[in-house]
Amino acid sequence: MKKITIQICLLLVFAFVVFFGGSALVHHTQEDKFCSVCHEWMDPMVSAYHNDVHGGASKHGFKAKCVDCHLPHDGYVGYIFKKAANGASEVTYMLFNDAKDKAWQENRKNRDKFTYDSGCLSCHKTILDINSSNQNIDDMHALYAKFKDDSTQKMNCVTCHKNVGHKNLGKILYEIKHPPVGDW
């Protein structure tokens, strides 16, 4: 009986450490400060993010975390698996490639692969209520609602909101490869 009690206690301690340690790990790896410590190549993205309303440059002081947009929010298990897959992919890429050689500007065309509508909609919950004072906004969001699940004509938030989250990122990435001559 004493052996079973000890085993149960050890199992409970192990579960406690895994659960709360894992939760702490997930929490501490959510923001740009964590990733940019090692990945200098992220500096342009982080700079553009800090200049955007989603990065804190708004009158309301709101600041989204990187994972708010760049991980799915459909469920915790999917979130954790995608976070692990992204981390493994980025570490592998960094070990075998030079990030400065990556076609970052070209990669922005695939923004729907690494920006998730579930993240947008977790903050912008009422966006599909179609009650804006601007009829064009209502029409476009109604069109999004119609095609968001259509496999042939799928629309994502970033289909229209191409530069959301990183103000002037296109210009910043262009100037890395083509530095400006100076002020004329």
N, C-alpha and C. Protein backbone atom coordinates (compact mmCIF):
# COMPACT_ATOMS: atom_id res chain seq x y z
N MET A 1 0.82 -1.20 0.00
CA MET A 1 0.00 0.00 0.00
C MET A 1 0.86 1.27 0.00
N LYS A 2 1.94 1.22 0.77
CA LYS A 2 2.83 2.37 0.87
C LYS A 2 3.48 2.65 -0.49
N LYS A 3 3.82 1.61 -1.24
CA LYS A 3 4.45 1.76 -2.56
C LYS A 3 3.49 2.42 -3.55
N ILE A 4 2.23 2.03 -3.52
CA ILE A 4 1.22 2.61 -4.42
C ILE A 4 0.99 4.08 -4.06
N THR A 5 0.95 4.42 -2.79
CA THR A 5 0.77 5.81 -2.35
C THR A 5 1.93 6.67 -2.82
N ILE A 6 3.14 6.16 -2.71
CA ILE A 6 4.33 6.90 -3.17
C ILE A 6 4.26 7.09 -4.69
N GLN A 7 3.87 6.05 -5.42
CA GLN A 7 3.77 6.15 -6.88
C GLN A 7 2.71 7.18 -7.29
N ILE A 8 1.59 7.17 -6.59
CA ILE A 8 0.53 8.14 -6.89
C ILE A 8 1.01 9.56 -6.59
N CYS A 9 1.70 9.73 -5.49
CA CYS A 9 2.24 11.05 -5.13
C CYS A 9 3.25 11.53 -6.17
N LEU A 10 4.14 10.64 -6.60
CA LEU A 10 5.12 11.00 -7.62
C LEU A 10 4.45 11.34 -8.94
N LEU A 11 3.42 10.58 -9.29
CA LEU A 11 2.68 10.85 -10.52
C LEU A 11 1.99 12.21 -10.44
N LEU A 12 1.41 12.53 -9.30
CA LEU A 12 0.76 13.83 -9.12
C LEU A 12 1.77 14.98 -9.20
N VAL A 13 2.92 14.81 -8.58
CA VAL A 13 3.98 15.83 -8.64
C VAL A 13 4.44 16.01 -10.09
N PHE A 14 4.65 14.90 -10.80
CA PHE A 14 5.07 14.95 -12.21
C PHE A 14 4.00 15.68 -13.04
N ALA A 15 2.73 15.33 -12.86
CA ALA A 15 1.64 15.97 -13.60
C ALA A 15 1.58 17.47 -13.29
N PHE A 16 1.78 17.83 -12.03
CA PHE A 16 1.77 19.23 -11.61
C PHE A 16 2.88 20.00 -12.32
N VAL A 17 4.09 19.43 -12.33
CA VAL A 17 5.24 20.09 -12.96
C VAL A 17 5.02 20.22 -14.47
N VAL A 18 4.55 19.15 -15.11
CA VAL A 18 4.33 19.19 -16.55
C VAL A 18 3.24 20.22 -16.89
N PHE A 19 2.14 20.18 -16.15
CA PHE A 19 1.03 21.08 -16.47
C PHE A 19 1.42 22.55 -16.26
N PHE A 20 1.90 22.87 -15.07
CA PHE A 20 2.21 24.27 -14.78
C PHE A 20 3.51 24.72 -15.44
N GLY A 21 4.49 23.83 -15.56
CA GLY A 21 5.73 24.16 -16.27
C GLY A 21 5.47 24.38 -17.74
N GLY A 22 4.64 23.50 -18.33
CA GLY A 22 4.28 23.65 -19.74
C GLY A 22 3.49 24.92 -19.99
N SER A 23 2.58 25.21 -19.07
CA SER A 23 1.78 26.42 -19.19
C SER A 23 2.67 27.66 -19.10
N ALA A 24 3.63 27.65 -18.18
CA ALA A 24 4.56 28.78 -18.05
C ALA A 24 5.42 28.92 -19.30
N LEU A 25 5.86 27.80 -19.86
CA LEU A 25 6.67 27.82 -21.09
C LEU A 25 5.87 28.42 -22.24
N VAL A 26 4.63 27.99 -22.40
CA VAL A 26 3.77 28.52 -23.46
C VAL A 26 3.57 30.02 -23.25
N HIS A 27 3.33 30.44 -22.02
CA HIS A 27 3.10 31.85 -21.72
C HIS A 27 4.34 32.71 -22.00
N HIS A 28 5.51 32.23 -21.62
CA HIS A 28 6.73 33.05 -21.77
C HIS A 28 7.29 33.06 -23.18
N THR A 29 6.72 32.27 -24.09
CA THR A 29 7.21 32.26 -25.47
C THR A 29 6.19 32.85 -26.43
N GLN A 30 5.37 33.77 -25.96
CA GLN A 30 4.30 34.33 -26.78
C GLN A 30 4.63 35.66 -27.44
N GLU A 31 5.65 36.34 -26.98
CA GLU A 31 5.86 37.71 -27.45
C GLU A 31 7.15 37.86 -28.24
N ASP A 32 7.25 38.98 -28.91
CA ASP A 32 8.41 39.28 -29.76
C ASP A 32 9.70 39.30 -28.96
N LYS A 33 9.66 39.65 -27.69
CA LYS A 33 10.88 39.71 -26.88
C LYS A 33 11.57 38.36 -26.80
N PHE A 34 10.81 37.29 -26.71
CA PHE A 34 11.38 35.94 -26.62
C PHE A 34 12.07 35.57 -27.93
N CYS A 35 11.37 35.68 -29.03
CA CYS A 35 11.90 35.23 -30.32
C CYS A 35 13.08 36.08 -30.79
N SER A 36 12.97 37.39 -30.60
CA SER A 36 14.00 38.28 -31.14
C SER A 36 15.30 38.26 -30.33
N VAL A 37 15.32 37.58 -29.19
CA VAL A 37 16.56 37.45 -28.43
C VAL A 37 17.59 36.70 -29.28
N CYS A 38 17.15 35.64 -29.94
CA CYS A 38 18.07 34.84 -30.75
C CYS A 38 18.00 35.19 -32.23
N HIS A 39 16.83 35.57 -32.70
CA HIS A 39 16.62 35.77 -34.13
C HIS A 39 16.73 37.24 -34.50
N GLU A 40 17.93 37.67 -34.80
CA GLU A 40 18.16 39.05 -35.20
C GLU A 40 17.38 39.41 -36.46
N TRP A 41 17.15 38.40 -37.30
CA TRP A 41 16.42 38.64 -38.55
C TRP A 41 15.00 39.11 -38.29
N MET A 42 14.49 38.94 -37.07
CA MET A 42 13.13 39.37 -36.77
C MET A 42 13.04 40.87 -36.49
N ASP A 43 14.18 41.53 -36.33
CA ASP A 43 14.16 42.94 -35.98
C ASP A 43 13.29 43.79 -36.90
N PRO A 44 13.35 43.62 -38.23
CA PRO A 44 12.47 44.43 -39.09
C PRO A 44 10.99 44.16 -38.84
N MET A 45 10.65 42.88 -38.62
CA MET A 45 9.25 42.55 -38.36
C MET A 45 8.80 43.14 -37.02
N VAL A 46 9.67 43.05 -36.02
CA VAL A 46 9.34 43.57 -34.69
C VAL A 46 9.22 45.09 -34.74
N SER A 47 10.12 45.74 -35.45
CA SER A 47 10.06 47.20 -35.57
C SER A 47 8.76 47.63 -36.25
N ALA A 48 8.40 46.97 -37.34
CA ALA A 48 7.17 47.29 -38.05
C ALA A 48 5.95 47.00 -37.17
N TYR A 49 6.03 45.94 -36.39
CA TYR A 49 4.94 45.58 -35.46
C TYR A 49 4.76 46.66 -34.39
N HIS A 50 5.85 47.16 -33.81
CA HIS A 50 5.76 48.18 -32.77
C HIS A 50 5.21 49.51 -33.31
N ASN A 51 5.34 49.74 -34.61
CA ASN A 51 4.81 50.96 -35.22
C ASN A 51 3.36 50.83 -35.65
N ASP A 52 2.78 49.65 -35.48
CA ASP A 52 1.41 49.38 -35.90
C ASP A 52 0.46 49.51 -34.71
N VAL A 53 -0.82 49.74 -34.99
CA VAL A 53 -1.80 49.85 -33.91
C VAL A 53 -1.90 48.54 -33.12
N HIS A 54 -1.64 47.41 -33.75
CA HIS A 54 -1.70 46.13 -33.04
C HIS A 54 -0.46 45.92 -32.16
N GLY A 55 0.58 46.70 -32.39
CA GLY A 55 1.81 46.60 -31.62
C GLY A 55 1.92 47.63 -30.52
N GLY A 56 0.85 48.34 -30.25
CA GLY A 56 0.84 49.31 -29.16
C GLY A 56 0.84 50.76 -29.61
N ALA A 57 0.98 51.02 -30.90
CA ALA A 57 1.03 52.39 -31.40
C ALA A 57 -0.39 52.89 -31.70
N SER A 58 -1.23 52.83 -30.70
CA SER A 58 -2.59 53.34 -30.86
C SER A 58 -2.95 54.19 -29.66
N LYS A 59 -3.99 54.95 -29.80
CA LYS A 59 -4.40 55.83 -28.70
C LYS A 59 -4.95 55.02 -27.53
N HIS A 60 -5.30 53.78 -27.77
CA HIS A 60 -5.85 52.93 -26.70
C HIS A 60 -4.77 52.14 -25.98
N GLY A 61 -3.56 52.07 -26.54
CA GLY A 61 -2.46 51.35 -25.90
C GLY A 61 -2.56 49.85 -26.00
N PHE A 62 -3.46 49.35 -26.84
CA PHE A 62 -3.60 47.92 -27.01
C PHE A 62 -2.36 47.33 -27.67
N LYS A 63 -1.94 46.17 -27.24
CA LYS A 63 -0.79 45.50 -27.85
C LYS A 63 -1.10 44.01 -27.96
N ALA A 64 -1.22 43.53 -29.18
CA ALA A 64 -1.43 42.10 -29.41
C ALA A 64 -0.10 41.38 -29.27
N LYS A 65 -0.15 40.14 -28.85
CA LYS A 65 1.05 39.30 -28.82
C LYS A 65 1.21 38.67 -30.19
N CYS A 66 2.41 38.26 -30.53
CA CYS A 66 2.65 37.63 -31.82
C CYS A 66 1.71 36.45 -32.04
N VAL A 67 1.51 35.65 -31.00
CA VAL A 67 0.69 34.45 -31.12
C VAL A 67 -0.79 34.77 -31.27
N ASP A 68 -1.20 36.00 -30.97
CA ASP A 68 -2.61 36.36 -31.16
C ASP A 68 -2.99 36.31 -32.63
N CYS A 69 -2.04 36.58 -33.49
CA CYS A 69 -2.31 36.57 -34.93
C CYS A 69 -1.70 35.35 -35.63
N HIS A 70 -0.56 34.91 -35.15
CA HIS A 70 0.21 33.90 -35.88
C HIS A 70 0.04 32.47 -35.38
N LEU A 71 -0.96 32.23 -34.53
CA LEU A 71 -1.32 30.87 -34.14
C LEU A 71 -2.83 30.74 -34.18
N PRO A 72 -3.34 29.55 -34.50
CA PRO A 72 -4.80 29.36 -34.54
C PRO A 72 -5.40 29.39 -33.14
N HIS A 73 -6.61 29.89 -33.04
CA HIS A 73 -7.30 29.98 -31.74
C HIS A 73 -8.59 29.16 -31.74
N ASP A 74 -8.59 28.08 -32.52
CA ASP A 74 -9.77 27.22 -32.60
C ASP A 74 -9.85 26.23 -31.44
N GLY A 75 -8.72 25.97 -30.81
CA GLY A 75 -8.69 25.03 -29.69
C GLY A 75 -7.28 24.95 -29.12
N TYR A 76 -7.17 24.59 -27.86
CA TYR A 76 -5.88 24.59 -27.18
C TYR A 76 -4.92 23.56 -27.77
N VAL A 77 -5.42 22.38 -28.10
CA VAL A 77 -4.54 21.32 -28.63
C VAL A 77 -3.95 21.74 -29.97
N GLY A 78 -4.79 22.26 -30.87
CA GLY A 78 -4.30 22.74 -32.16
C GLY A 78 -3.31 23.88 -32.01
N TYR A 79 -3.58 24.75 -31.05
CA TYR A 79 -2.71 25.89 -30.76
C TYR A 79 -1.32 25.39 -30.34
N ILE A 80 -1.28 24.43 -29.41
CA ILE A 80 -0.01 23.90 -28.90
C ILE A 80 0.75 23.17 -30.00
N PHE A 81 0.05 22.34 -30.78
CA PHE A 81 0.73 21.60 -31.84
C PHE A 81 1.29 22.54 -32.91
N LYS A 82 0.55 23.56 -33.28
CA LYS A 82 1.03 24.52 -34.29
C LYS A 82 2.20 25.33 -33.72
N LYS A 83 2.14 25.68 -32.44
CA LYS A 83 3.23 26.41 -31.80
C LYS A 83 4.51 25.57 -31.83
N ALA A 84 4.38 24.29 -31.50
CA ALA A 84 5.53 23.39 -31.51
C ALA A 84 6.07 23.20 -32.93
N ALA A 85 5.17 23.02 -33.89
CA ALA A 85 5.59 22.84 -35.28
C ALA A 85 6.30 24.08 -35.80
N ASN A 86 5.75 25.27 -35.51
CA ASN A 86 6.39 26.52 -35.93
C ASN A 86 7.77 26.66 -35.31
N GLY A 87 7.87 26.38 -34.02
CA GLY A 87 9.16 26.49 -33.33
C GLY A 87 10.19 25.55 -33.93
N ALA A 88 9.80 24.29 -34.17
CA ALA A 88 10.73 23.32 -34.76
C ALA A 88 11.14 23.76 -36.17
N SER A 89 10.19 24.25 -36.93
CA SER A 89 10.48 24.71 -38.29
C SER A 89 11.45 25.89 -38.29
N GLU A 90 11.23 26.85 -37.42
CA GLU A 90 12.09 28.04 -37.37
C GLU A 90 13.50 27.69 -36.90
N VAL A 91 13.60 26.84 -35.89
CA VAL A 91 14.92 26.44 -35.40
C VAL A 91 15.67 25.68 -36.48
N THR A 92 14.99 24.75 -37.16
CA THR A 92 15.61 23.99 -38.24
C THR A 92 16.08 24.92 -39.35
N TYR A 93 15.24 25.86 -39.75
CA TYR A 93 15.62 26.80 -40.80
C TYR A 93 16.85 27.60 -40.40
N MET A 94 16.85 28.07 -39.16
CA MET A 94 17.97 28.90 -38.70
C MET A 94 19.28 28.12 -38.60
N LEU A 95 19.20 26.83 -38.32
CA LEU A 95 20.41 26.02 -38.22
C LEU A 95 21.06 25.78 -39.57
N PHE A 96 20.26 25.68 -40.62
CA PHE A 96 20.78 25.27 -41.92
C PHE A 96 20.74 26.36 -42.99
N ASN A 97 20.22 27.53 -42.66
CA ASN A 97 20.10 28.60 -43.65
C ASN A 97 20.43 29.94 -43.02
N ASP A 98 20.71 30.90 -43.87
CA ASP A 98 20.90 32.27 -43.41
C ASP A 98 19.60 33.01 -43.65
N ALA A 99 19.01 33.51 -42.59
CA ALA A 99 17.72 34.18 -42.69
C ALA A 99 17.77 35.40 -43.61
N LYS A 100 18.95 35.99 -43.77
CA LYS A 100 19.06 37.16 -44.64
C LYS A 100 18.86 36.80 -46.11
N ASP A 101 19.03 35.50 -46.43
CA ASP A 101 18.84 35.05 -47.81
C ASP A 101 17.38 34.70 -48.13
N LYS A 102 16.56 34.64 -47.11
CA LYS A 102 15.16 34.28 -47.33
C LYS A 102 14.44 35.41 -48.06
N ALA A 103 13.56 35.03 -48.95
CA ALA A 103 12.79 36.01 -49.73
C ALA A 103 11.59 36.47 -48.90
N TRP A 104 11.86 37.33 -47.92
CA TRP A 104 10.81 37.77 -47.00
C TRP A 104 9.70 38.50 -47.72
N GLN A 105 10.05 39.35 -48.65
CA GLN A 105 9.05 40.12 -49.39
C GLN A 105 8.13 39.16 -50.16
N GLU A 106 8.73 38.18 -50.80
CA GLU A 106 7.97 37.18 -51.56
C GLU A 106 7.10 36.34 -50.62
N ASN A 107 7.61 36.04 -49.45
CA ASN A 107 6.89 35.22 -48.48
C ASN A 107 5.62 35.89 -47.97
N ARG A 108 5.56 37.20 -48.05
CA ARG A 108 4.37 37.93 -47.60
C ARG A 108 3.14 37.59 -48.42
N LYS A 109 3.35 37.06 -49.63
CA LYS A 109 2.22 36.64 -50.46
C LYS A 109 1.51 35.44 -49.85
N ASN A 110 2.17 34.73 -48.96
CA ASN A 110 1.60 33.55 -48.30
C ASN A 110 1.08 33.88 -46.91
N ARG A 111 0.75 35.14 -46.67
CA ARG A 111 0.37 35.58 -45.33
C ARG A 111 -0.83 34.82 -44.77
N ASP A 112 -1.69 34.30 -45.64
CA ASP A 112 -2.84 33.55 -45.15
C ASP A 112 -2.44 32.19 -44.56
N LYS A 113 -1.20 31.77 -44.77
CA LYS A 113 -0.70 30.51 -44.21
C LYS A 113 -0.17 30.69 -42.79
N PHE A 114 0.15 31.92 -42.40
CA PHE A 114 0.71 32.13 -41.06
C PHE A 114 0.02 33.26 -40.28
N THR A 115 -1.14 33.65 -40.75
CA THR A 115 -1.99 34.58 -40.01
C THR A 115 -3.38 33.94 -39.99
N TYR A 116 -3.94 33.81 -38.81
CA TYR A 116 -5.16 33.02 -38.64
C TYR A 116 -6.36 33.90 -38.34
N ASP A 117 -7.44 33.68 -39.10
CA ASP A 117 -8.68 34.41 -38.88
C ASP A 117 -9.20 34.21 -37.46
N SER A 118 -9.00 33.03 -36.89
CA SER A 118 -9.49 32.79 -35.53
C SER A 118 -8.82 33.75 -34.54
N GLY A 119 -7.59 34.15 -34.83
CA GLY A 119 -6.92 35.14 -34.00
C GLY A 119 -7.55 36.51 -34.18
N CYS A 120 -7.80 36.89 -35.41
CA CYS A 120 -8.44 38.19 -35.68
C CYS A 120 -9.80 38.25 -35.01
N LEU A 121 -10.58 37.19 -35.21
CA LEU A 121 -11.95 37.18 -34.72
C LEU A 121 -12.04 37.03 -33.20
N SER A 122 -10.95 36.59 -32.56
CA SER A 122 -10.99 36.51 -31.10
C SER A 122 -11.01 37.90 -30.48
N CYS A 123 -10.45 38.88 -31.16
CA CYS A 123 -10.51 40.28 -30.69
C CYS A 123 -11.64 41.05 -31.37
N HIS A 124 -11.77 40.87 -32.66
CA HIS A 124 -12.77 41.60 -33.45
C HIS A 124 -14.04 40.76 -33.56
N LYS A 125 -14.63 40.46 -32.44
CA LYS A 125 -15.79 39.56 -32.35
C LYS A 125 -17.01 40.07 -33.11
N THR A 126 -17.21 41.35 -33.15
CA THR A 126 -18.43 41.91 -33.74
C THR A 126 -18.27 42.30 -35.20
N ILE A 127 -17.15 41.95 -35.80
CA ILE A 127 -16.87 42.40 -37.16
C ILE A 127 -17.90 41.88 -38.17
N LEU A 128 -18.49 40.73 -37.88
CA LEU A 128 -19.46 40.16 -38.81
C LEU A 128 -20.90 40.57 -38.50
N ASP A 129 -21.09 41.46 -37.53
CA ASP A 129 -22.44 41.94 -37.22
C ASP A 129 -22.98 42.87 -38.30
N ILE A 130 -22.10 43.35 -39.16
CA ILE A 130 -22.46 44.20 -40.30
C ILE A 130 -23.31 45.38 -39.84
N ASN A 131 -22.70 46.19 -39.00
CA ASN A 131 -23.42 47.38 -38.51
C ASN A 131 -22.52 48.61 -38.50
N SER A 132 -21.60 48.66 -39.44
CA SER A 132 -20.69 49.79 -39.52
C SER A 132 -21.41 51.01 -40.07
N SER A 133 -20.84 52.16 -39.83
CA SER A 133 -21.38 53.39 -40.43
C SER A 133 -20.91 53.54 -41.87
N ASN A 134 -20.05 52.65 -42.31
CA ASN A 134 -19.53 52.69 -43.67
C ASN A 134 -20.08 51.49 -44.45
N GLN A 135 -20.87 51.75 -45.47
CA GLN A 135 -21.51 50.68 -46.25
C GLN A 135 -20.48 49.80 -46.95
N ASN A 136 -19.36 50.38 -47.40
CA ASN A 136 -18.32 49.58 -48.06
C ASN A 136 -17.74 48.53 -47.12
N ILE A 137 -17.51 48.92 -45.86
CA ILE A 137 -17.01 47.98 -44.86
C ILE A 137 -18.02 46.86 -44.65
N ASP A 138 -19.29 47.22 -44.51
CA ASP A 138 -20.34 46.21 -44.33
C ASP A 138 -20.38 45.25 -45.51
N ASP A 139 -20.29 45.80 -46.72
CA ASP A 139 -20.34 44.96 -47.92
C ASP A 139 -19.16 43.99 -47.98
N MET A 140 -17.97 44.49 -47.67
CA MET A 140 -16.78 43.63 -47.73
C MET A 140 -16.81 42.55 -46.65
N HIS A 141 -17.25 42.90 -45.45
CA HIS A 141 -17.33 41.90 -44.38
C HIS A 141 -18.43 40.88 -44.66
N ALA A 142 -19.51 41.30 -45.32
CA ALA A 142 -20.55 40.36 -45.73
C ALA A 142 -19.99 39.39 -46.78
N LEU A 143 -19.17 39.91 -47.69
CA LEU A 143 -18.53 39.07 -48.70
C LEU A 143 -17.57 38.07 -48.03
N TYR A 144 -16.83 38.55 -47.05
CA TYR A 144 -15.94 37.65 -46.28
C TYR A 144 -16.76 36.55 -45.62
N ALA A 145 -17.86 36.91 -44.97
CA ALA A 145 -18.71 35.92 -44.29
C ALA A 145 -19.21 34.88 -45.29
N LYS A 146 -19.51 35.31 -46.49
CA LYS A 146 -20.02 34.39 -47.52
C LYS A 146 -18.95 33.41 -47.99
N PHE A 147 -17.69 33.88 -48.14
CA PHE A 147 -16.65 33.05 -48.74
C PHE A 147 -15.59 32.52 -47.77
N LYS A 148 -15.71 32.80 -46.48
CA LYS A 148 -14.66 32.38 -45.55
C LYS A 148 -14.50 30.87 -45.45
N ASP A 149 -15.55 30.13 -45.72
CA ASP A 149 -15.47 28.67 -45.65
C ASP A 149 -15.54 28.01 -47.02
N ASP A 150 -15.54 28.80 -48.08
CA ASP A 150 -15.64 28.27 -49.44
C ASP A 150 -14.26 27.80 -49.90
N SER A 151 -14.14 26.53 -50.24
CA SER A 151 -12.82 25.99 -50.60
C SER A 151 -12.35 26.48 -51.97
N THR A 152 -13.24 26.92 -52.84
CA THR A 152 -12.81 27.37 -54.16
C THR A 152 -12.51 28.86 -54.24
N GLN A 153 -13.18 29.66 -53.40
CA GLN A 153 -12.97 31.11 -53.42
C GLN A 153 -12.72 31.65 -52.01
N LYS A 154 -12.00 30.90 -51.22
CA LYS A 154 -11.80 31.22 -49.81
C LYS A 154 -11.25 32.62 -49.62
N MET A 155 -11.82 33.30 -48.65
CA MET A 155 -11.32 34.62 -48.24
C MET A 155 -10.84 34.52 -46.80
N ASN A 156 -9.80 35.25 -46.50
CA ASN A 156 -9.27 35.37 -45.14
C ASN A 156 -9.27 36.84 -44.79
N CYS A 157 -9.07 37.14 -43.53
CA CYS A 157 -8.98 38.55 -43.11
C CYS A 157 -7.86 39.25 -43.87
N VAL A 158 -6.72 38.55 -44.06
CA VAL A 158 -5.57 39.17 -44.72
C VAL A 158 -5.71 39.22 -46.24
N THR A 159 -6.82 38.71 -46.78
CA THR A 159 -7.08 38.88 -48.21
C THR A 159 -7.22 40.37 -48.50
N CYS A 160 -7.92 41.07 -47.62
CA CYS A 160 -8.11 42.52 -47.78
C CYS A 160 -7.15 43.32 -46.91
N HIS A 161 -6.95 42.88 -45.68
CA HIS A 161 -6.09 43.60 -44.73
C HIS A 161 -4.66 43.08 -44.89
N LYS A 162 -4.04 43.44 -46.01
CA LYS A 162 -2.74 42.87 -46.39
C LYS A 162 -1.58 43.31 -45.51
N ASN A 163 -1.65 44.47 -44.93
CA ASN A 163 -0.52 44.99 -44.15
C ASN A 163 -0.83 45.06 -42.66
N VAL A 164 -1.85 44.38 -42.23
CA VAL A 164 -2.26 44.45 -40.83
C VAL A 164 -1.17 43.88 -39.91
N GLY A 165 -0.93 44.58 -38.82
CA GLY A 165 -0.01 44.08 -37.80
C GLY A 165 1.42 44.56 -37.89
N HIS A 166 1.86 44.97 -39.08
CA HIS A 166 3.25 45.38 -39.27
C HIS A 166 3.29 46.58 -40.20
N LYS A 167 3.22 47.76 -39.62
CA LYS A 167 3.16 49.00 -40.41
C LYS A 167 4.44 49.19 -41.23
N ASN A 168 4.25 49.43 -42.53
CA ASN A 168 5.34 49.69 -43.49
C ASN A 168 6.33 48.53 -43.61
N LEU A 169 5.92 47.31 -43.33
CA LEU A 169 6.84 46.17 -43.42
C LEU A 169 7.37 46.00 -44.84
N GLY A 170 6.52 46.18 -45.83
CA GLY A 170 6.97 46.04 -47.21
C GLY A 170 8.12 47.00 -47.52
N LYS A 171 7.99 48.23 -47.12
CA LYS A 171 9.04 49.24 -47.34
C LYS A 171 10.31 48.86 -46.58
N ILE A 172 10.15 48.42 -45.33
CA ILE A 172 11.31 48.05 -44.52
C ILE A 172 12.05 46.87 -45.15
N LEU A 173 11.32 45.86 -45.57
CA LEU A 173 11.96 44.68 -46.18
C LEU A 173 12.61 45.04 -47.51
N TYR A 174 11.97 45.90 -48.28
CA TYR A 174 12.56 46.34 -49.55
C TYR A 174 13.88 47.06 -49.30
N GLU A 175 13.90 47.95 -48.32
CA GLU A 175 15.10 48.74 -48.05
C GLU A 175 16.24 47.91 -47.47
N ILE A 176 15.96 46.76 -46.91
CA ILE A 176 17.03 45.86 -46.45
C ILE A 176 17.82 45.35 -47.65
N LYS A 177 17.11 44.97 -48.70
CA LYS A 177 17.77 44.46 -49.91
C LYS A 177 18.24 45.59 -50.83
N HIS A 178 17.58 46.74 -50.76
CA HIS A 178 17.89 47.88 -51.61
C HIS A 178 17.98 49.14 -50.75
N PRO A 179 19.09 49.32 -50.03
CA PRO A 179 19.19 50.47 -49.12
C PRO A 179 19.01 51.79 -49.86
N PRO A 180 18.30 52.74 -49.22
CA PRO A 180 18.12 54.04 -49.85
C PRO A 180 19.46 54.76 -49.98
N VAL A 181 19.56 55.56 -51.03
CA VAL A 181 20.79 56.28 -51.28
C VAL A 181 21.00 57.37 -50.23
N GLY A 182 19.94 57.93 -49.76
CA GLY A 182 20.02 59.02 -48.78
C GLY A 182 18.93 60.04 -49.06
N ASP A 183 18.95 61.11 -48.32
CA ASP A 183 17.95 62.15 -48.52
C ASP A 183 18.39 63.02 -49.70
N TRP A 184 17.44 63.32 -50.55
CA TRP A 184 17.76 64.13 -51.72
C TRP A 184 17.50 65.57 -51.45
